[in-house]
C-alpha atoms as a PDB file:
ATOM      1  CA  UNK A   1     111.243  96.578  84.830  1.00  0.00           C
ATOM      2  CA  UNK A   2     108.523  93.497  84.745  1.00  0.00           C
ATOM      3  CA  UNK A   3     106.238  94.226  81.875  1.00  0.00           C
ATOM      4  CA  UNK A   4     102.546  94.490  83.539  1.00  0.00           C
ATOM      5  CA  UNK A   5      99.641  93.330  81.592  1.00  0.00           C
ATOM      6  CA  UNK A   6      96.062  93.563  82.385  1.00  0.00           C
ATOM      7  CA  UNK A   7      96.033  89.942  83.281  1.00  0.00           C
ATOM      8  CA  UNK A   8      98.589  90.100  85.378  1.00  0.00           C
ATOM      9  CA  UNK A   9      97.640  88.782  89.106  1.00  0.00           C
ATOM     10  CA  UNK A  10      99.488  91.146  91.714  1.00  0.00           C
ATOM     11  CA  UNK A  11     100.357  90.659  95.066  1.00  0.00           C
ATOM     12  CA  UNK A  12     102.347  92.224  98.039  1.00  0.00           C
ATOM     13  CA  UNK A  13     105.873  90.987  98.437  1.00  0.00           C
ATOM     14  CA  UNK A  14     106.209  88.831 101.561  1.00  0.00           C
ATOM     15  CA  UNK A  15     108.077  91.348 103.408  1.00  0.00           C
ATOM     16  CA  UNK A  16     105.988  94.360 102.518  1.00  0.00           C
ATOM     17  CA  UNK A  17     103.027  95.802 104.494  1.00  0.00           C
ATOM     18  CA  UNK A  18     100.904  98.668 104.176  1.00  0.00           C
ATOM     19  CA  UNK A  19      99.849 100.342 107.327  1.00  0.00           C
ATOM     20  CA  UNK A  20      97.200 103.410 107.149  1.00  0.00           C
ATOM     21  CA  UNK A  21      98.056 106.323 109.128  1.00  0.00           C
ATOM     22  CA  UNK A  22      96.248 109.211 109.739  1.00  0.00           C
ATOM     23  CA  UNK A  23      94.814 110.529 106.123  1.00  0.00           C
ATOM     24  CA  UNK A  24      97.404 108.301 104.233  1.00  0.00           C
ATOM     25  CA  UNK A  25      99.304 105.029 104.320  1.00  0.00           C
ATOM     26  CA  UNK A  26     103.107 103.896 104.313  1.00  0.00           C
ATOM     27  CA  UNK A  27     104.639 100.877 103.163  1.00  0.00           C
ATOM     28  CA  UNK A  28     107.152  99.076 105.366  1.00  0.00           C
ATOM     29  CA  UNK A  29     109.865  96.882 103.617  1.00  0.00           C
ATOM     30  CA  UNK A  30     110.768  94.517 106.411  1.00  0.00           C
ATOM     31  CA  UNK A  31     114.030  93.339 104.728  1.00  0.00           C
ATOM     32  CA  UNK A  32     115.391  96.967 104.319  1.00  0.00           C
ATOM     33  CA  UNK A  33     113.557  98.835 106.894  1.00  0.00           C
ATOM     34  CA  UNK A  34     112.565 101.230 104.131  1.00  0.00           C
ATOM     35  CA  UNK A  35     109.332 103.253 104.834  1.00  0.00           C
ATOM     36  CA  UNK A  36     107.463 104.422 101.505  1.00  0.00           C
ATOM     37  CA  UNK A  37     104.426 107.152 102.087  1.00  0.00           C
ATOM     38  CA  UNK A  38     101.725 106.751  99.653  1.00  0.00           C
ATOM     39  CA  UNK A  39      99.560 109.212  98.048  1.00  0.00           C
ATOM     40  CA  UNK A  40      95.897 108.488  97.679  1.00  0.00           C
ATOM     41  CA  UNK A  41      95.973 106.885  94.491  1.00  0.00           C
ATOM     42  CA  UNK A  42      98.618 104.380  95.606  1.00  0.00           C
ATOM     43  CA  UNK A  43      96.720 103.643  98.770  1.00  0.00           C
ATOM     44  CA  UNK A  44      93.812 102.792  96.977  1.00  0.00           C
ATOM     45  CA  UNK A  45      95.566 100.807  94.563  1.00  0.00           C
ATOM     46  CA  UNK A  46      97.513  98.611  97.180  1.00  0.00           C
ATOM     47  CA  UNK A  47      93.896  98.183  99.244  1.00  0.00           C
ATOM     48  CA  UNK A  48      92.764  96.494  96.213  1.00  0.00           C
ATOM     49  CA  UNK A  49      95.944  94.331  95.598  1.00  0.00           C
ATOM     50  CA  UNK A  50      95.092  90.809  97.045  1.00  0.00           C
ATOM     51  CA  UNK A  51      97.194  88.141  95.216  1.00  0.00           C
ATOM     52  CA  UNK A  52      93.791  87.088  93.466  1.00  0.00           C
ATOM     53  CA  UNK A  53      92.751  90.206  91.172  1.00  0.00           C
ATOM     54  CA  UNK A  54      94.501  90.926  88.015  1.00  0.00           C
ATOM     55  CA  UNK A  55      95.391  94.640  87.181  1.00  0.00           C
ATOM     56  CA  UNK A  56      92.211  94.792  84.914  1.00  0.00           C
ATOM     57  CA  UNK A  57      90.202  94.058  87.997  1.00  0.00           C
ATOM     58  CA  UNK A  58      91.730  96.409  89.977  1.00  0.00           C
ATOM     59  CA  UNK A  59      91.691  99.313  87.542  1.00  0.00           C
ATOM     60  CA  UNK A  60      87.800  98.367  87.270  1.00  0.00           C
ATOM     61  CA  UNK A  61      87.466  98.885  91.069  1.00  0.00           C
ATOM     62  CA  UNK A  62      89.640 102.037  91.154  1.00  0.00           C
ATOM     63  CA  UNK A  63      87.387 103.624  87.910  1.00  0.00           C
ATOM     64  CA  UNK A  64      84.435 102.991  90.148  1.00  0.00           C
ATOM     65  CA  UNK A  65      85.994 104.729  92.916  1.00  0.00           C
ATOM     66  CA  UNK A  66      87.639 107.980  91.181  1.00  0.00           C
ATOM     67  CA  UNK A  67      86.262 109.843  88.179  1.00  0.00           C
ATOM     68  CA  UNK A  68      89.059 108.950  85.573  1.00  0.00           C
ATOM     69  CA  UNK A  69      89.074 107.740  82.170  1.00  0.00           C
ATOM     70  CA  UNK A  70      89.632 104.109  82.141  1.00  0.00           C
ATOM     71  CA  UNK A  71      92.121 103.998  79.426  1.00  0.00           C
ATOM     72  CA  UNK A  72      94.253 106.894  81.472  1.00  0.00           C
ATOM     73  CA  UNK A  73      93.954 104.641  84.613  1.00  0.00           C
ATOM     74  CA  UNK A  74      94.866 101.444  82.924  1.00  0.00           C
ATOM     75  CA  UNK A  75      98.145 103.202  81.717  1.00  0.00           C
ATOM     76  CA  UNK A  76      98.858 104.642  84.609  1.00  0.00           C
ATOM     77  CA  UNK A  77      98.308 101.824  87.398  1.00  0.00           C
ATOM     78  CA  UNK A  78     100.431  99.517  84.980  1.00  0.00           C
ATOM     79  CA  UNK A  79     103.053 101.961  85.311  1.00  0.00           C
ATOM     80  CA  UNK A  80     102.641 102.438  89.121  1.00  0.00           C
ATOM     81  CA  UNK A  81     102.547  98.686  89.111  1.00  0.00           C
ATOM     82  CA  UNK A  82     105.834  98.102  87.510  1.00  0.00           C
ATOM     83  CA  UNK A  83     107.296 100.915  89.644  1.00  0.00           C
ATOM     84  CA  UNK A  84     106.141  99.119  92.936  1.00  0.00           C
ATOM     85  CA  UNK A  85     107.466  95.820  91.499  1.00  0.00           C
ATOM     86  CA  UNK A  86     111.030  97.307  90.786  1.00  0.00           C
ATOM     87  CA  UNK A  87     111.097  98.719  94.348  1.00  0.00           C
ATOM     88  CA  UNK A  88     110.020  95.482  95.982  1.00  0.00           C
ATOM     89  CA  UNK A  89     106.566  96.430  97.265  1.00  0.00           C
ATOM     90  CA  UNK A  90     104.843  94.104  94.887  1.00  0.00           C
ATOM     91  CA  UNK A  91     106.095  90.481  94.129  1.00  0.00           C
ATOM     92  CA  UNK A  92     107.623  90.319  90.789  1.00  0.00           C
ATOM     93  CA  UNK A  93     105.055  88.573  88.510  1.00  0.00           C
ATOM     94  CA  UNK A  94     107.673  86.655  86.571  1.00  0.00           C
ATOM     95  CA  UNK A  95     109.331  85.194  89.449  1.00  0.00           C
END
C-alpha cells in the first residue's frame, strides 16, 4: 500500500469520477465499471481532492467542517487515502 504523508498531493485517478446522489455520493471507476458508495466522511474528503492540495491541507479543511481532533483526523484520512489509492480511486502518488 502506498505510503501517504502529510505533504502527499492527492488527485483522483483518471478514470474515477464522483457523482453526488441524494444524500450521498458514489464513485465510478470507468475501466472496471465498479461503483463504490461513499459515507459522509469519504464524500467530504473526495470533494477536497483536487490534484493541488496535499493531505495536510485537506485535513485542515475537514477539521473546519467536522468537529474532530486533528491528530485523529490526520491518521484516519491518511488511512482512507491509502485505501482509495489501493482501490484505484485516487492516483498512486508514487507513479
